[in-house]
Structures are given as C-alpha cells and as structure tokens.
N, C-alpha and C. Protein backbone atom coordinates (compact mmCIF):
# COMPACT_ATOMS: atom_id res chain seq x y z
N MET A 1 -24.00 -1.86 -8.27
CA MET A 1 -23.62 -2.49 -7.02
C MET A 1 -22.72 -1.54 -6.24
N ASP A 2 -22.93 -1.42 -4.94
CA ASP A 2 -22.12 -0.56 -4.11
C ASP A 2 -20.81 -1.26 -3.77
N ALA A 3 -19.74 -0.47 -3.72
CA ALA A 3 -18.43 -1.00 -3.31
C ALA A 3 -18.46 -1.28 -1.82
N PRO A 4 -17.68 -2.26 -1.35
CA PRO A 4 -17.67 -2.56 0.08
C PRO A 4 -17.02 -1.43 0.86
N LEU A 5 -17.44 -1.25 2.08
CA LEU A 5 -16.83 -0.28 2.96
C LEU A 5 -15.58 -0.91 3.54
N ILE A 6 -14.45 -0.26 3.34
CA ILE A 6 -13.19 -0.76 3.89
C ILE A 6 -12.69 0.26 4.88
N THR A 7 -12.51 -0.16 6.11
CA THR A 7 -12.05 0.76 7.15
C THR A 7 -10.75 0.24 7.74
N ALA A 8 -9.83 1.14 8.02
CA ALA A 8 -8.57 0.76 8.65
C ALA A 8 -8.78 0.68 10.15
N VAL A 9 -8.36 -0.41 10.74
CA VAL A 9 -8.51 -0.59 12.18
C VAL A 9 -7.20 -1.10 12.76
N ARG A 10 -6.96 -0.78 14.01
CA ARG A 10 -5.77 -1.28 14.67
C ARG A 10 -6.11 -2.47 15.57
N GLY A 11 -7.30 -2.55 16.05
CA GLY A 11 -7.71 -3.66 16.89
C GLY A 11 -8.75 -4.49 16.17
N THR A 12 -9.23 -5.48 16.83
CA THR A 12 -10.26 -6.33 16.25
C THR A 12 -11.62 -5.71 16.50
N PRO A 13 -12.43 -5.56 15.46
CA PRO A 13 -13.77 -5.01 15.69
C PRO A 13 -14.53 -5.88 16.68
N SER A 14 -15.37 -5.23 17.49
CA SER A 14 -16.09 -5.99 18.51
C SER A 14 -17.11 -6.92 17.88
N ARG A 15 -17.59 -6.57 16.71
CA ARG A 15 -18.59 -7.39 16.05
C ARG A 15 -18.40 -7.29 14.55
N CYS A 16 -18.54 -8.38 13.83
CA CYS A 16 -18.48 -8.36 12.38
C CYS A 16 -19.88 -8.09 11.86
N ARG A 17 -20.00 -7.10 11.01
CA ARG A 17 -21.30 -6.78 10.44
C ARG A 17 -21.30 -7.18 8.97
N PRO A 18 -22.34 -7.89 8.53
CA PRO A 18 -22.41 -8.27 7.12
C PRO A 18 -22.27 -7.06 6.21
N GLY A 19 -21.54 -7.27 5.11
CA GLY A 19 -21.38 -6.21 4.14
C GLY A 19 -20.27 -5.24 4.44
N ARG A 20 -19.59 -5.39 5.54
CA ARG A 20 -18.49 -4.48 5.89
C ARG A 20 -17.17 -5.19 5.65
N SER A 21 -16.18 -4.44 5.25
CA SER A 21 -14.84 -4.96 5.05
C SER A 21 -13.89 -4.22 5.98
N THR A 22 -12.85 -4.88 6.38
CA THR A 22 -11.89 -4.27 7.26
C THR A 22 -10.50 -4.46 6.70
N SER A 23 -9.71 -3.42 6.72
CA SER A 23 -8.32 -3.50 6.34
C SER A 23 -7.51 -3.43 7.62
N ARG A 24 -6.78 -4.47 7.93
CA ARG A 24 -5.98 -4.50 9.15
C ARG A 24 -4.67 -3.77 8.89
N THR A 25 -4.38 -2.74 9.65
CA THR A 25 -3.17 -1.97 9.48
C THR A 25 -2.07 -2.54 10.37
N TRP A 26 -0.95 -2.91 9.75
CA TRP A 26 0.24 -3.41 10.44
C TRP A 26 -0.07 -4.63 11.31
N ALA A 27 -0.96 -5.44 10.86
CA ALA A 27 -1.29 -6.66 11.59
C ALA A 27 -1.80 -7.69 10.60
N THR A 28 -1.89 -8.89 11.06
CA THR A 28 -2.48 -9.94 10.22
C THR A 28 -3.62 -10.58 10.98
N LEU A 29 -4.56 -11.09 10.25
CA LEU A 29 -5.67 -11.80 10.85
C LEU A 29 -5.34 -13.28 10.88
N THR A 30 -5.67 -13.95 11.94
CA THR A 30 -5.43 -15.38 12.02
C THR A 30 -6.44 -16.12 11.15
N GLU A 31 -6.09 -17.33 10.82
CA GLU A 31 -6.98 -18.18 10.00
C GLU A 31 -8.36 -18.31 10.65
N SER A 32 -8.39 -18.54 11.95
CA SER A 32 -9.68 -18.70 12.63
C SER A 32 -10.47 -17.40 12.64
N ARG A 33 -9.80 -16.28 12.76
CA ARG A 33 -10.48 -14.99 12.75
C ARG A 33 -11.02 -14.68 11.35
N LEU A 34 -10.26 -15.02 10.32
CA LEU A 34 -10.75 -14.84 8.96
C LEU A 34 -12.00 -15.69 8.71
N ALA A 35 -11.97 -16.93 9.19
CA ALA A 35 -13.13 -17.81 9.02
C ALA A 35 -14.34 -17.26 9.77
N GLU A 36 -14.13 -16.74 10.97
CA GLU A 36 -15.21 -16.16 11.75
C GLU A 36 -15.81 -14.96 11.02
N ARG A 37 -14.96 -14.13 10.45
CA ARG A 37 -15.43 -12.95 9.72
C ARG A 37 -16.23 -13.37 8.49
N GLN A 38 -15.76 -14.39 7.76
CA GLN A 38 -16.49 -14.85 6.58
C GLN A 38 -17.86 -15.38 6.96
N ARG A 39 -17.94 -16.16 8.04
CA ARG A 39 -19.22 -16.69 8.49
C ARG A 39 -20.19 -15.56 8.87
N ALA A 40 -19.65 -14.45 9.38
CA ALA A 40 -20.48 -13.32 9.78
C ALA A 40 -20.86 -12.43 8.60
N GLY A 41 -20.32 -12.74 7.41
CA GLY A 41 -20.63 -11.95 6.24
C GLY A 41 -19.74 -10.74 6.05
N ALA A 42 -18.71 -10.61 6.89
CA ALA A 42 -17.77 -9.49 6.77
C ALA A 42 -16.66 -9.88 5.80
N ARG A 43 -16.00 -8.90 5.25
CA ARG A 43 -14.90 -9.12 4.31
C ARG A 43 -13.61 -8.58 4.88
N SER A 44 -12.48 -9.13 4.44
CA SER A 44 -11.17 -8.75 4.98
C SER A 44 -10.18 -8.46 3.88
N LEU A 45 -9.23 -7.60 4.20
CA LEU A 45 -8.07 -7.32 3.38
C LEU A 45 -6.91 -7.20 4.35
N THR A 46 -5.94 -8.11 4.25
CA THR A 46 -4.85 -8.13 5.22
C THR A 46 -3.57 -8.62 4.56
N ARG A 47 -2.46 -8.31 5.20
CA ARG A 47 -1.19 -8.83 4.71
C ARG A 47 -1.10 -10.32 5.02
N LEU A 48 -0.44 -11.06 4.15
CA LEU A 48 -0.24 -12.49 4.37
C LEU A 48 0.88 -12.68 5.37
N HIS A 49 0.63 -13.43 6.40
CA HIS A 49 1.65 -13.74 7.40
C HIS A 49 2.59 -14.80 6.82
N ALA A 50 3.89 -14.57 6.95
CA ALA A 50 4.88 -15.54 6.44
C ALA A 50 4.61 -16.91 7.04
N GLY A 51 4.65 -17.93 6.22
CA GLY A 51 4.44 -19.29 6.68
C GLY A 51 3.00 -19.76 6.60
N THR A 52 2.08 -18.87 6.22
CA THR A 52 0.67 -19.26 6.08
C THR A 52 0.53 -20.27 4.94
N ALA A 53 -0.17 -21.35 5.18
CA ALA A 53 -0.37 -22.38 4.15
C ALA A 53 -1.29 -21.86 3.06
N LEU A 54 -0.86 -22.04 1.81
CA LEU A 54 -1.64 -21.65 0.65
C LEU A 54 -1.86 -22.87 -0.24
N PHE A 55 -3.03 -22.94 -0.86
CA PHE A 55 -3.37 -24.05 -1.74
C PHE A 55 -4.05 -23.52 -2.99
N THR A 56 -3.91 -24.26 -4.08
CA THR A 56 -4.66 -23.93 -5.29
C THR A 56 -6.13 -24.26 -5.03
N LEU A 57 -7.00 -23.82 -5.91
CA LEU A 57 -8.42 -24.15 -5.73
C LEU A 57 -8.67 -25.65 -5.85
N ALA A 58 -7.73 -26.36 -6.49
CA ALA A 58 -7.84 -27.82 -6.60
C ALA A 58 -7.30 -28.53 -5.36
N GLY A 59 -6.78 -27.73 -4.40
CA GLY A 59 -6.30 -28.32 -3.15
C GLY A 59 -4.83 -28.67 -3.13
N GLN A 60 -4.08 -28.34 -4.18
CA GLN A 60 -2.64 -28.62 -4.21
C GLN A 60 -1.90 -27.54 -3.43
N ALA A 61 -0.88 -27.94 -2.66
CA ALA A 61 -0.07 -26.98 -1.92
C ALA A 61 0.57 -26.00 -2.90
N LEU A 62 0.59 -24.73 -2.54
CA LEU A 62 1.13 -23.69 -3.40
C LEU A 62 2.37 -23.10 -2.74
N CYS A 63 3.48 -23.10 -3.46
CA CYS A 63 4.72 -22.51 -2.97
C CYS A 63 4.71 -21.04 -3.37
N LEU A 64 4.66 -20.16 -2.39
CA LEU A 64 4.56 -18.73 -2.65
C LEU A 64 5.70 -18.23 -3.54
N GLU A 65 6.91 -18.68 -3.29
CA GLU A 65 8.06 -18.23 -4.07
C GLU A 65 7.92 -18.56 -5.56
N ASP A 66 7.15 -19.58 -5.89
CA ASP A 66 6.96 -19.97 -7.29
C ASP A 66 6.03 -19.04 -8.06
N VAL A 67 5.22 -18.26 -7.36
CA VAL A 67 4.23 -17.42 -8.05
C VAL A 67 4.50 -15.93 -7.89
N LEU A 68 5.55 -15.56 -7.18
CA LEU A 68 5.85 -14.14 -6.97
C LEU A 68 6.22 -13.45 -8.28
N PRO A 69 5.73 -12.23 -8.50
CA PRO A 69 6.13 -11.47 -9.69
C PRO A 69 7.64 -11.19 -9.65
N ARG A 70 8.28 -11.24 -10.79
CA ARG A 70 9.74 -11.07 -10.86
C ARG A 70 10.17 -9.64 -11.13
N ARG A 71 9.35 -8.87 -11.86
CA ARG A 71 9.73 -7.51 -12.23
C ARG A 71 9.12 -6.49 -11.27
N VAL A 72 9.89 -5.45 -10.96
CA VAL A 72 9.39 -4.37 -10.12
C VAL A 72 8.16 -3.75 -10.78
N GLY A 73 7.12 -3.56 -9.99
CA GLY A 73 5.87 -2.99 -10.48
C GLY A 73 4.90 -4.02 -11.02
N GLN A 74 5.37 -5.25 -11.25
CA GLN A 74 4.50 -6.30 -11.76
C GLN A 74 3.55 -6.77 -10.66
N MET A 75 2.28 -6.93 -11.02
CA MET A 75 1.27 -7.40 -10.08
C MET A 75 0.70 -8.72 -10.55
N LYS A 76 0.31 -9.55 -9.60
CA LYS A 76 -0.37 -10.81 -9.90
C LYS A 76 -1.53 -10.97 -8.94
N GLU A 77 -2.53 -11.67 -9.41
CA GLU A 77 -3.68 -12.01 -8.58
C GLU A 77 -4.00 -13.48 -8.81
N LEU A 78 -4.13 -14.24 -7.72
CA LEU A 78 -4.45 -15.66 -7.80
C LEU A 78 -5.59 -15.97 -6.85
N HIS A 79 -6.48 -16.84 -7.27
CA HIS A 79 -7.52 -17.35 -6.38
C HIS A 79 -6.92 -18.56 -5.66
N VAL A 80 -6.94 -18.53 -4.33
CA VAL A 80 -6.29 -19.55 -3.53
C VAL A 80 -7.18 -19.96 -2.36
N LEU A 81 -6.75 -21.02 -1.70
CA LEU A 81 -7.33 -21.43 -0.43
C LEU A 81 -6.27 -21.13 0.63
N VAL A 82 -6.68 -20.47 1.72
CA VAL A 82 -5.75 -20.00 2.75
C VAL A 82 -5.96 -20.79 4.04
N GLY A 83 -4.85 -21.28 4.59
CA GLY A 83 -4.89 -21.94 5.89
C GLY A 83 -4.86 -23.45 5.78
N ALA A 84 -4.11 -24.05 6.68
CA ALA A 84 -3.96 -25.51 6.68
C ALA A 84 -5.25 -26.21 7.11
N LYS A 85 -6.01 -25.58 8.00
CA LYS A 85 -7.23 -26.21 8.52
C LYS A 85 -8.48 -25.75 7.79
N GLN A 86 -8.68 -24.45 7.74
CA GLN A 86 -9.93 -23.90 7.22
C GLN A 86 -10.00 -23.88 5.69
N ARG A 87 -8.85 -23.67 5.03
CA ARG A 87 -8.78 -23.56 3.57
C ARG A 87 -9.84 -22.58 3.04
N LEU A 88 -9.68 -21.35 3.45
CA LEU A 88 -10.63 -20.29 3.10
C LEU A 88 -10.40 -19.80 1.68
N PRO A 89 -11.45 -19.68 0.88
CA PRO A 89 -11.28 -19.16 -0.48
C PRO A 89 -11.01 -17.66 -0.43
N MET A 90 -9.89 -17.25 -0.99
CA MET A 90 -9.50 -15.84 -0.99
C MET A 90 -8.70 -15.53 -2.25
N ARG A 91 -8.46 -14.25 -2.45
CA ARG A 91 -7.58 -13.82 -3.54
C ARG A 91 -6.24 -13.44 -2.95
N LEU A 92 -5.19 -13.85 -3.62
CA LEU A 92 -3.83 -13.52 -3.24
C LEU A 92 -3.37 -12.41 -4.18
N LEU A 93 -3.02 -11.25 -3.62
CA LEU A 93 -2.60 -10.10 -4.40
C LEU A 93 -1.11 -9.88 -4.17
N LEU A 94 -0.35 -9.83 -5.24
CA LEU A 94 1.11 -9.76 -5.15
C LEU A 94 1.64 -8.58 -5.97
N LEU A 95 2.57 -7.83 -5.41
CA LEU A 95 3.19 -6.71 -6.10
C LEU A 95 4.67 -6.68 -5.77
N ARG A 96 5.51 -6.68 -6.79
CA ARG A 96 6.96 -6.55 -6.58
C ARG A 96 7.28 -5.08 -6.38
N VAL A 97 7.99 -4.76 -5.30
CA VAL A 97 8.34 -3.37 -5.00
C VAL A 97 9.81 -3.11 -5.34
N PRO A 98 10.19 -1.84 -5.48
CA PRO A 98 11.60 -1.52 -5.77
C PRO A 98 12.52 -1.98 -4.64
N LYS A 99 13.78 -2.21 -4.99
CA LYS A 99 14.79 -2.68 -4.03
C LYS A 99 14.87 -1.77 -2.81
N GLU A 100 14.78 -0.46 -3.03
CA GLU A 100 14.88 0.49 -1.92
C GLU A 100 13.74 0.28 -0.92
N VAL A 101 12.56 -0.02 -1.41
CA VAL A 101 11.41 -0.27 -0.54
C VAL A 101 11.64 -1.56 0.26
N GLY A 102 12.09 -2.61 -0.41
CA GLY A 102 12.38 -3.87 0.28
C GLY A 102 13.46 -3.71 1.32
N ASP A 103 14.51 -2.96 0.98
CA ASP A 103 15.60 -2.73 1.94
C ASP A 103 15.10 -1.98 3.17
N GLN A 104 14.25 -0.97 2.95
CA GLN A 104 13.71 -0.21 4.08
C GLN A 104 12.80 -1.09 4.94
N ARG A 105 12.01 -1.95 4.29
CA ARG A 105 11.16 -2.88 5.05
C ARG A 105 11.99 -3.81 5.91
N ARG A 106 13.09 -4.36 5.33
CA ARG A 106 13.95 -5.26 6.10
C ARG A 106 14.57 -4.52 7.29
N GLU A 107 15.02 -3.31 7.05
CA GLU A 107 15.59 -2.51 8.14
C GLU A 107 14.56 -2.29 9.25
N ASP A 108 13.34 -1.94 8.86
CA ASP A 108 12.27 -1.72 9.84
C ASP A 108 11.92 -3.01 10.59
N LEU A 109 11.86 -4.12 9.86
CA LEU A 109 11.56 -5.41 10.50
C LEU A 109 12.62 -5.78 11.53
N LEU A 110 13.88 -5.61 11.15
CA LEU A 110 14.98 -5.96 12.06
C LEU A 110 15.01 -5.04 13.27
N ARG A 111 14.78 -3.76 13.06
CA ARG A 111 14.77 -2.81 14.18
C ARG A 111 13.62 -3.13 15.14
N ASP A 112 12.44 -3.41 14.59
CA ASP A 112 11.28 -3.74 15.42
C ASP A 112 11.51 -5.05 16.18
N ALA A 113 12.08 -6.03 15.51
CA ALA A 113 12.35 -7.32 16.17
C ALA A 113 13.35 -7.15 17.30
N GLN A 114 14.37 -6.34 17.07
CA GLN A 114 15.37 -6.11 18.11
C GLN A 114 14.72 -5.42 19.31
N ARG A 115 13.86 -4.44 19.04
CA ARG A 115 13.17 -3.73 20.12
C ARG A 115 12.30 -4.68 20.94
N ARG A 116 11.69 -5.65 20.26
CA ARG A 116 10.80 -6.60 20.94
C ARG A 116 11.53 -7.84 21.48
N GLY A 117 12.82 -7.95 21.18
CA GLY A 117 13.57 -9.12 21.62
C GLY A 117 13.20 -10.37 20.85
N GLN A 118 12.82 -10.21 19.58
CA GLN A 118 12.39 -11.33 18.74
C GLN A 118 13.36 -11.49 17.58
N THR A 119 13.18 -12.58 16.84
CA THR A 119 13.95 -12.79 15.63
C THR A 119 13.00 -12.78 14.44
N ILE A 120 13.55 -12.48 13.28
CA ILE A 120 12.77 -12.44 12.04
C ILE A 120 13.24 -13.61 11.18
N SER A 121 12.30 -14.35 10.61
CA SER A 121 12.67 -15.49 9.77
C SER A 121 13.30 -15.03 8.47
N GLU A 122 14.12 -15.87 7.89
CA GLU A 122 14.73 -15.58 6.60
C GLU A 122 13.65 -15.38 5.53
N GLN A 123 12.58 -16.17 5.62
CA GLN A 123 11.50 -16.04 4.65
C GLN A 123 10.87 -14.65 4.73
N THR A 124 10.63 -14.16 5.94
CA THR A 124 10.04 -12.83 6.10
C THR A 124 10.96 -11.77 5.50
N LEU A 125 12.25 -11.89 5.72
CA LEU A 125 13.19 -10.92 5.16
C LEU A 125 13.22 -11.00 3.63
N ARG A 126 13.16 -12.20 3.07
CA ARG A 126 13.13 -12.35 1.60
C ARG A 126 11.86 -11.75 1.02
N LEU A 127 10.73 -11.96 1.70
CA LEU A 127 9.44 -11.52 1.17
C LEU A 127 9.21 -10.00 1.31
N ALA A 128 10.15 -9.30 1.92
CA ALA A 128 10.03 -7.84 2.06
C ALA A 128 10.08 -7.14 0.70
N ASP A 129 10.50 -7.83 -0.34
CA ASP A 129 10.55 -7.26 -1.69
C ASP A 129 9.20 -7.30 -2.40
N TRP A 130 8.18 -7.78 -1.72
CA TRP A 130 6.84 -7.86 -2.30
C TRP A 130 5.81 -7.33 -1.31
N THR A 131 4.75 -6.75 -1.84
CA THR A 131 3.55 -6.50 -1.04
C THR A 131 2.65 -7.69 -1.31
N ILE A 132 2.28 -8.40 -0.25
CA ILE A 132 1.50 -9.63 -0.38
C ILE A 132 0.26 -9.51 0.51
N LEU A 133 -0.89 -9.49 -0.15
CA LEU A 133 -2.15 -9.33 0.55
C LEU A 133 -3.08 -10.50 0.24
N ILE A 134 -3.98 -10.77 1.17
CA ILE A 134 -5.07 -11.71 0.90
C ILE A 134 -6.37 -10.98 1.18
N THR A 135 -7.38 -11.31 0.39
CA THR A 135 -8.69 -10.68 0.57
C THR A 135 -9.78 -11.62 0.14
N ASP A 136 -10.95 -11.42 0.72
CA ASP A 136 -12.14 -12.13 0.26
C ASP A 136 -13.16 -11.16 -0.33
N VAL A 137 -12.71 -9.92 -0.56
CA VAL A 137 -13.54 -8.94 -1.26
C VAL A 137 -13.54 -9.33 -2.75
N ARG A 138 -14.71 -9.37 -3.34
CA ARG A 138 -14.82 -9.77 -4.75
C ARG A 138 -14.02 -8.85 -5.65
N SER A 139 -13.49 -9.38 -6.74
CA SER A 139 -12.64 -8.60 -7.65
C SER A 139 -13.41 -7.44 -8.28
N GLN A 140 -14.72 -7.56 -8.45
CA GLN A 140 -15.51 -6.46 -9.01
C GLN A 140 -15.52 -5.27 -8.07
N ALA A 141 -15.39 -5.52 -6.78
CA ALA A 141 -15.45 -4.45 -5.78
C ALA A 141 -14.05 -3.95 -5.40
N LEU A 142 -13.02 -4.76 -5.59
CA LEU A 142 -11.65 -4.38 -5.22
C LEU A 142 -10.71 -4.98 -6.26
N ALA A 143 -10.31 -4.19 -7.20
CA ALA A 143 -9.44 -4.66 -8.28
C ALA A 143 -8.04 -4.12 -8.10
N LEU A 144 -7.08 -4.82 -8.69
CA LEU A 144 -5.68 -4.36 -8.69
C LEU A 144 -5.53 -3.17 -9.60
C-alpha cells in the first residue's frame, strides 16, 4: 500500500482530491472544513484548536487534560470523535514536550497575540507543553 501524500500548505487548497493528505502549517482546520475534506476523500493532519469538542468513540465527552501524557517525550494516540456537530472520527496524537519548548511556545503565543491585539486563553497557554494533533490518516500510513 502506498503512503498518503502529505503536503504542507499555508492556505486552503482550491480543491480536495481523493487520496491526498494535507498538513496545515501554523493553522487549524475548522470542523466544517475537516468534514468537507473527508467527504471529498482527502485526509488531514492539523493541530487541535483549543476548545475543540472531543468525544470517545462511544460518544462520551472527553476532557483533554485527563488524557495528556505526563512525562516529557511520552506519546499517546487515541481514536476520538472531533467536533460538537459533525463528530468526525479521527486520531488524537499527543506528545509532551520539554519545559523549554513549552515556555518558548507561550512566549511566541503571547508576542503574536499582542501584535494582533488579541488575548490568549489560559487553556491555550497550559496546552503549550504538548504537541496535539488530529488526523484522519490511517495509522498504517502515519504512525507515531
């Protein structure tokens, strides 16, 4: 079986092509955009936006803080449903990063928010200690 093609993009592709995967760089895909891509047969790999609703495959609400890896370098993978409306089946990929990485991410987030005249949620600042991704690429094609 061929591995999926994953391409880094800054904007939204004009058309989703079946069998193609896209990695969104420094952006997140909305729930509706993820659903549109799945319907078109395209695959996605993106960072989880803070506050995105997550559910177990049984439909129970999932608290992200309850499943985060505790040790630096520890990785976890969970099959989840993403989004309050669409409940898209995806994999949640979690990696605890070193304190220095989290501190640098918080600094970058705060600097960017100040530049844009925005505020950053406490949850976003707390979650800077983890790399948190969601994907619908099968585990055989994209493993941790």
